[in-house]
Amino acid sequence: MIGGRRRKTVIRRGHGFTLVELMIVLVVMAVLLGIAVPSMTQFTFSGKLRAYSNEVVASAVLARSEAIKRNQVVTLCVSTNGTSCVSGSWESGWIVLTTGGEVVHRQQPITDGFKVIGTVDRIDFQASGVGSTIATLKICRASPSLGDKESEVTISATGRTAVERKASSSCS
């Protein structure tokens, strides 16, 4: 007793969540997931698109530098078997091939529903590093509903590469 009064101490016991509180948390989590999943899908798509564009650029740069280093024509071309140039689509794979038939680099086929559409089936780099053909390779999603962006890799007549990313409505 303090000053003639009694002090009551109140002890509160912890209780669990009520059903209403639990339902509110579940609804908030569902809304957050509904927002996050499409964003994550788009982020993953953008990463794969950038990676495939970089593979094309790296192959072109390698072919050009090998042509200069070896002082001979080196070819970047479509290849389904990984040993020889064929006509076809770039997403089936490509190789960097020397005049003597040595495969310097082999690119596996592109997966995940991406397409690589080219204006040519092969690009020859002269011993000076100059390309004999101006080429454009467009990397895009085969089904635009799964991603609306594309990358366009341009290889100039001087052998230089440039990448342009843009929105796309179709992959043709």
Protein backbone atom coordinates (compact mmCIF):
# COMPACT_ATOMS: atom_id res chain seq x y z
CA MET A 1 0.00 0.00 0.00
CA ILE A 2 1.20 3.37 -0.93
CA GLY A 3 -0.49 6.36 0.68
CA GLY A 4 -3.47 4.34 1.78
CA ARG A 5 -4.35 3.15 -1.71
CA ARG A 6 -3.87 -0.21 -3.15
CA ARG A 7 -2.19 -0.54 -6.48
CA LYS A 8 -3.47 -3.16 -8.79
CA THR A 9 -1.09 -4.60 -11.23
CA VAL A 10 -2.66 -5.76 -14.37
CA ILE A 11 -1.03 -8.69 -16.06
CA ARG A 12 -1.95 -9.07 -19.69
CA ARG A 13 -1.55 -12.39 -21.29
CA GLY A 14 -0.51 -12.67 -24.94
CA HIS A 15 -3.19 -14.06 -27.17
CA GLY A 16 -2.90 -15.47 -30.69
CA PHE A 17 -4.12 -13.87 -33.86
CA THR A 18 -7.80 -13.66 -34.48
CA LEU A 19 -9.26 -15.11 -37.63
CA VAL A 20 -9.98 -11.61 -38.98
CA GLU A 21 -6.36 -10.50 -38.47
CA LEU A 22 -5.09 -13.62 -40.19
CA MET A 23 -7.42 -13.09 -43.17
CA ILE A 24 -6.28 -9.46 -43.54
CA VAL A 25 -2.63 -10.55 -43.61
CA LEU A 26 -3.40 -13.20 -46.24
CA VAL A 27 -5.25 -10.69 -48.44
CA VAL A 28 -2.36 -8.20 -48.22
CA MET A 29 0.13 -10.95 -49.09
CA ALA A 30 -1.98 -12.02 -52.08
CA VAL A 31 -2.10 -8.43 -53.40
CA LEU A 32 1.65 -8.03 -53.00
CA LEU A 33 2.30 -11.31 -54.82
CA GLY A 34 -0.09 -10.28 -57.58
CA ILE A 35 2.01 -7.18 -58.14
CA ALA A 36 5.44 -8.81 -57.70
CA VAL A 37 5.10 -11.90 -59.91
CA PRO A 38 4.48 -10.08 -63.23
CA SER A 39 7.30 -7.66 -62.45
CA MET A 40 9.65 -10.56 -61.72
CA THR A 41 8.66 -12.28 -64.97
CA GLN A 42 9.39 -9.10 -66.94
CA PHE A 43 12.71 -8.70 -65.10
CA THR A 44 13.71 -12.28 -65.95
CA PHE A 45 12.69 -11.77 -69.60
CA SER A 46 14.78 -8.60 -69.84
CA GLY A 47 17.79 -10.39 -68.40
CA LYS A 48 17.57 -13.25 -70.88
CA LEU A 49 17.07 -10.84 -73.78
CA ARG A 50 20.17 -8.90 -72.74
CA ALA A 51 22.18 -12.12 -72.33
CA TYR A 52 21.27 -13.39 -75.81
CA SER A 53 22.10 -10.00 -77.34
CA ASN A 54 25.46 -10.07 -75.60
CA GLU A 55 26.13 -13.59 -76.98
CA VAL A 56 25.58 -12.34 -80.54
CA VAL A 57 27.80 -9.29 -79.99
CA ALA A 58 30.54 -11.38 -78.34
CA SER A 59 30.52 -13.83 -81.25
CA ALA A 60 30.78 -11.02 -83.81
CA VAL A 61 33.62 -9.35 -81.91
CA LEU A 62 35.41 -12.70 -81.60
CA ALA A 63 35.05 -13.40 -85.33
CA ARG A 64 36.39 -9.95 -86.20
CA SER A 65 39.36 -10.20 -83.83
CA GLU A 66 40.20 -13.73 -85.04
CA ALA A 67 40.18 -12.48 -88.64
CA ILE A 68 42.67 -9.77 -87.75
CA LYS A 69 44.80 -12.06 -85.59
CA ARG A 70 44.96 -14.90 -88.12
CA ASN A 71 45.13 -12.60 -91.15
CA GLN A 72 42.41 -14.56 -92.92
CA VAL A 73 38.67 -14.51 -93.51
CA VAL A 74 36.67 -15.68 -90.49
CA THR A 75 32.95 -16.39 -90.73
CA LEU A 76 30.13 -16.03 -88.22
CA CYS A 77 27.30 -18.22 -89.49
CA VAL A 78 24.21 -20.24 -88.64
CA SER A 79 24.99 -23.82 -87.69
CA THR A 80 22.70 -26.58 -86.53
CA ASN A 81 25.41 -29.20 -86.11
CA GLY A 82 28.14 -26.99 -84.61
CA THR A 83 30.72 -27.85 -87.28
CA SER A 84 29.60 -26.28 -90.55
CA CYS A 85 27.60 -23.33 -91.88
CA VAL A 86 24.03 -23.95 -93.03
CA SER A 87 21.14 -21.76 -94.03
CA GLY A 88 18.42 -21.46 -91.47
CA SER A 89 17.48 -19.56 -88.35
CA TRP A 90 20.01 -18.15 -85.92
CA GLU A 91 18.20 -19.50 -82.84
CA SER A 92 19.30 -23.02 -83.84
CA GLY A 93 22.87 -21.96 -82.96
CA TRP A 94 25.88 -20.43 -84.67
CA ILE A 95 29.62 -20.86 -85.01
CA VAL A 96 32.72 -18.79 -85.67
CA LEU A 97 34.63 -20.60 -88.41
CA THR A 98 38.07 -19.95 -89.93
CA THR A 99 38.89 -20.34 -93.62
CA GLY A 100 40.69 -23.60 -92.77
CA GLY A 101 37.50 -25.03 -91.22
CA GLU A 102 38.50 -24.65 -87.56
CA VAL A 103 35.59 -23.90 -85.26
CA VAL A 104 36.73 -21.12 -82.92
CA HIS A 105 33.44 -20.73 -81.06
CA ARG A 106 30.21 -22.73 -80.92
CA GLN A 107 26.95 -21.24 -79.64
CA GLN A 108 24.26 -23.59 -78.42
CA PRO A 109 20.69 -23.17 -79.65
CA ILE A 110 18.63 -20.38 -78.10
CA THR A 111 15.88 -21.68 -75.82
CA ASP A 112 13.12 -20.19 -73.68
CA GLY A 113 10.91 -19.27 -76.65
CA PHE A 114 13.19 -16.57 -78.05
CA LYS A 115 13.75 -16.02 -81.77
CA VAL A 116 16.78 -14.61 -83.55
CA ILE A 117 15.87 -13.25 -86.96
CA GLY A 118 18.71 -12.25 -89.26
CA THR A 119 18.95 -10.47 -92.59
CA VAL A 120 21.75 -12.90 -93.59
CA ASP A 121 22.84 -16.46 -92.74
CA ARG A 122 26.56 -15.66 -92.57
CA ILE A 123 28.85 -12.74 -91.94
CA ASP A 124 32.39 -12.84 -93.29
CA PHE A 125 35.10 -10.74 -91.66
CA GLN A 126 38.11 -9.96 -93.85
CA ALA A 127 41.69 -10.10 -92.56
CA SER A 128 41.55 -6.35 -91.98
CA GLY A 129 38.56 -6.82 -89.64
CA VAL A 130 36.14 -5.29 -92.11
CA GLY A 131 32.88 -7.16 -92.58
CA SER A 132 31.82 -7.87 -96.12
CA THR A 133 28.13 -7.71 -95.25
CA ILE A 134 25.99 -5.33 -93.25
CA ALA A 135 23.84 -7.52 -91.03
CA THR A 136 21.04 -7.05 -88.54
CA LEU A 137 20.02 -9.71 -86.04
CA LYS A 138 16.81 -9.16 -84.08
CA ILE A 139 16.37 -11.05 -80.80
CA CYS A 140 12.79 -11.17 -79.57
CA ARG A 141 10.22 -13.32 -77.83
CA ALA A 142 8.40 -15.77 -80.12
CA SER A 143 5.19 -14.97 -78.27
CA PRO A 144 4.94 -11.18 -77.71
CA SER A 145 2.40 -11.65 -74.91
CA LEU A 146 5.27 -12.99 -72.78
CA GLY A 147 7.50 -9.98 -73.40
CA ASP A 148 7.17 -6.88 -75.53
CA LYS A 149 10.79 -5.84 -75.95
CA GLU A 150 13.39 -6.79 -78.51
CA SER A 151 17.08 -6.21 -79.15
CA GLU A 152 18.49 -5.44 -82.53
CA VAL A 153 22.19 -6.14 -83.08
CA THR A 154 23.63 -4.38 -86.13
CA ILE A 155 27.01 -5.32 -87.56
CA SER A 156 28.28 -2.57 -89.85
CA ALA A 157 30.42 -2.90 -92.97
CA THR A 158 33.43 -1.94 -90.85
CA GLY A 159 32.73 -4.84 -88.50
CA ARG A 160 31.51 -2.75 -85.58
CA THR A 161 28.53 -3.90 -83.53
CA ALA A 162 25.72 -1.83 -82.06
CA VAL A 163 22.79 -2.94 -79.91
CA GLU A 164 19.45 -1.15 -79.83
CA ARG A 165 16.70 -2.15 -77.45
CA LYS A 166 13.15 -1.22 -78.32
CA ALA A 167 9.53 -2.13 -77.75
CA SER A 168 8.01 -4.55 -80.19
CA SER A 169 4.54 -5.78 -80.98
CA SER A 170 5.59 -8.70 -83.14
CA CYS A 171 8.59 -10.87 -83.75
CA SER A 172 8.84 -11.01 -87.50
